[in-house]
Amino acid sequence: MSEIAKPKNPEDDWKVWLVLNPAVWLMPILFAVLIIALVLHAVVFQMGFGWA
């Protein structure tokens, strides 16, 4: 087996974005967080803990 070069941090930290492309995962995660926040607020207001 070939040896895998160990990363030289922090010089190689930028390379993680070659694998984790924010254009793919950032917006779906933000939309999911928005939906969770809206549902949570709806439940809390339904329980009567909203503004008087």
N, C-alpha and C. Protein backbone atom coordinates (compact mmCIF):
# COMPACT_ATOMS: atom_id res chain seq x y z
N MET A 1 0.84 -1.20 0.00
CA MET A 1 0.00 0.00 0.00
C MET A 1 0.87 1.24 0.00
N SER A 2 0.35 2.26 -0.66
CA SER A 2 1.09 3.51 -0.69
C SER A 2 0.82 4.31 0.58
N GLU A 3 1.80 5.04 0.95
CA GLU A 3 1.67 5.88 2.14
C GLU A 3 0.90 7.15 1.78
N ILE A 4 0.01 7.53 2.66
CA ILE A 4 -0.76 8.77 2.48
C ILE A 4 -0.05 9.86 3.24
N ALA A 5 0.20 10.97 2.55
CA ALA A 5 0.90 12.07 3.19
C ALA A 5 0.02 12.69 4.27
N LYS A 6 0.60 12.93 5.43
CA LYS A 6 -0.13 13.57 6.51
C LYS A 6 -0.27 15.06 6.21
N PRO A 7 -1.41 15.65 6.54
CA PRO A 7 -1.60 17.07 6.26
C PRO A 7 -0.72 17.94 7.14
N LYS A 8 -0.31 19.05 6.58
CA LYS A 8 0.45 20.04 7.33
C LYS A 8 -0.51 21.15 7.73
N ASN A 9 -1.00 21.08 8.93
CA ASN A 9 -1.96 22.09 9.40
C ASN A 9 -1.20 23.30 9.90
N PRO A 10 -1.67 24.49 9.71
CA PRO A 10 -2.90 24.90 9.03
C PRO A 10 -2.72 25.16 7.53
N GLU A 11 -1.56 24.85 6.97
CA GLU A 11 -1.33 25.15 5.55
C GLU A 11 -2.28 24.39 4.64
N ASP A 12 -2.69 23.19 5.03
CA ASP A 12 -3.54 22.35 4.18
C ASP A 12 -5.02 22.42 4.54
N ASP A 13 -5.41 23.32 5.43
CA ASP A 13 -6.81 23.38 5.86
C ASP A 13 -7.76 23.75 4.73
N TRP A 14 -7.31 24.49 3.75
CA TRP A 14 -8.18 24.91 2.64
C TRP A 14 -8.63 23.72 1.81
N LYS A 15 -7.91 22.61 1.85
CA LYS A 15 -8.22 21.46 1.00
C LYS A 15 -9.51 20.76 1.41
N VAL A 16 -9.97 20.96 2.64
CA VAL A 16 -11.21 20.32 3.06
C VAL A 16 -12.38 20.83 2.23
N TRP A 17 -12.29 22.07 1.74
CA TRP A 17 -13.40 22.63 0.94
C TRP A 17 -13.43 22.05 -0.46
N LEU A 18 -12.39 21.33 -0.87
CA LEU A 18 -12.46 20.62 -2.14
C LEU A 18 -13.38 19.40 -2.04
N VAL A 19 -13.53 18.88 -0.82
CA VAL A 19 -14.40 17.72 -0.59
C VAL A 19 -15.77 18.17 -0.09
N LEU A 20 -15.78 19.08 0.87
CA LEU A 20 -17.03 19.59 1.45
C LEU A 20 -17.40 20.89 0.77
N ASN A 21 -18.00 20.79 -0.38
CA ASN A 21 -18.33 21.98 -1.17
C ASN A 21 -19.56 22.66 -0.57
N PRO A 22 -19.43 23.89 -0.07
CA PRO A 22 -20.56 24.59 0.53
C PRO A 22 -21.70 24.84 -0.46
N ALA A 23 -21.41 24.90 -1.74
CA ALA A 23 -22.47 25.10 -2.73
C ALA A 23 -23.44 23.94 -2.75
N VAL A 24 -23.03 22.80 -2.24
CA VAL A 24 -23.89 21.61 -2.24
C VAL A 24 -24.67 21.50 -0.94
N TRP A 25 -24.03 21.71 0.19
CA TRP A 25 -24.66 21.40 1.47
C TRP A 25 -25.11 22.59 2.28
N LEU A 26 -24.64 23.79 2.00
CA LEU A 26 -24.92 24.93 2.88
C LEU A 26 -26.39 25.34 2.85
N MET A 27 -26.97 25.53 1.67
CA MET A 27 -28.36 25.97 1.59
C MET A 27 -29.34 24.93 2.11
N PRO A 28 -29.20 23.64 1.79
CA PRO A 28 -30.13 22.67 2.40
C PRO A 28 -30.07 22.65 3.93
N ILE A 29 -28.89 22.79 4.49
CA ILE A 29 -28.78 22.82 5.94
C ILE A 29 -29.45 24.07 6.51
N LEU A 30 -29.24 25.22 5.86
CA LEU A 30 -29.87 26.45 6.34
C LEU A 30 -31.38 26.39 6.23
N PHE A 31 -31.89 25.81 5.14
CA PHE A 31 -33.34 25.65 5.01
C PHE A 31 -33.89 24.71 6.07
N ALA A 32 -33.17 23.65 6.38
CA ALA A 32 -33.60 22.72 7.43
C ALA A 32 -33.62 23.41 8.78
N VAL A 33 -32.62 24.23 9.06
CA VAL A 33 -32.58 24.98 10.32
C VAL A 33 -33.74 25.97 10.38
N LEU A 34 -34.06 26.62 9.27
CA LEU A 34 -35.19 27.55 9.23
C LEU A 34 -36.50 26.82 9.51
N ILE A 35 -36.70 25.68 8.90
CA ILE A 35 -37.93 24.92 9.11
C ILE A 35 -38.04 24.46 10.57
N ILE A 36 -36.94 23.99 11.14
CA ILE A 36 -36.94 23.57 12.54
C ILE A 36 -37.28 24.75 13.44
N ALA A 37 -36.71 25.92 13.17
CA ALA A 37 -36.99 27.10 13.99
C ALA A 37 -38.45 27.52 13.88
N LEU A 38 -39.00 27.48 12.68
CA LEU A 38 -40.41 27.86 12.50
C LEU A 38 -41.34 26.89 13.22
N VAL A 39 -41.07 25.61 13.11
CA VAL A 39 -41.90 24.61 13.79
C VAL A 39 -41.79 24.77 15.30
N LEU A 40 -40.58 24.98 15.78
CA LEU A 40 -40.38 25.15 17.22
C LEU A 40 -41.13 26.38 17.73
N HIS A 41 -41.05 27.49 17.01
CA HIS A 41 -41.79 28.68 17.42
C HIS A 41 -43.29 28.44 17.39
N ALA A 42 -43.78 27.75 16.37
CA ALA A 42 -45.21 27.47 16.28
C ALA A 42 -45.66 26.63 17.47
N VAL A 43 -44.88 25.64 17.85
CA VAL A 43 -45.24 24.79 19.00
C VAL A 43 -45.23 25.60 20.29
N VAL A 44 -44.22 26.41 20.47
CA VAL A 44 -44.12 27.20 21.70
C VAL A 44 -45.27 28.19 21.79
N PHE A 45 -45.62 28.85 20.70
CA PHE A 45 -46.75 29.78 20.72
C PHE A 45 -48.06 29.05 20.91
N GLN A 46 -48.19 27.86 20.37
CA GLN A 46 -49.41 27.06 20.54
C GLN A 46 -49.59 26.66 22.01
N MET A 47 -48.49 26.46 22.72
CA MET A 47 -48.56 26.07 24.13
C MET A 47 -48.87 27.26 25.02
N GLY A 48 -48.85 28.46 24.49
CA GLY A 48 -49.20 29.64 25.28
C GLY A 48 -48.02 30.35 25.89
N PHE A 49 -46.82 30.05 25.44
CA PHE A 49 -45.64 30.71 25.98
C PHE A 49 -45.19 31.91 25.15
N GLY A 50 -46.04 32.39 24.26
CA GLY A 50 -45.69 33.53 23.40
C GLY A 50 -45.88 34.84 24.13
N TRP A 51 -45.88 35.90 23.36
CA TRP A 51 -46.08 37.22 23.95
C TRP A 51 -47.52 37.39 24.38
N ALA A 52 -47.71 38.15 25.44
CA ALA A 52 -49.07 38.36 25.96
C ALA A 52 -49.77 39.50 25.24
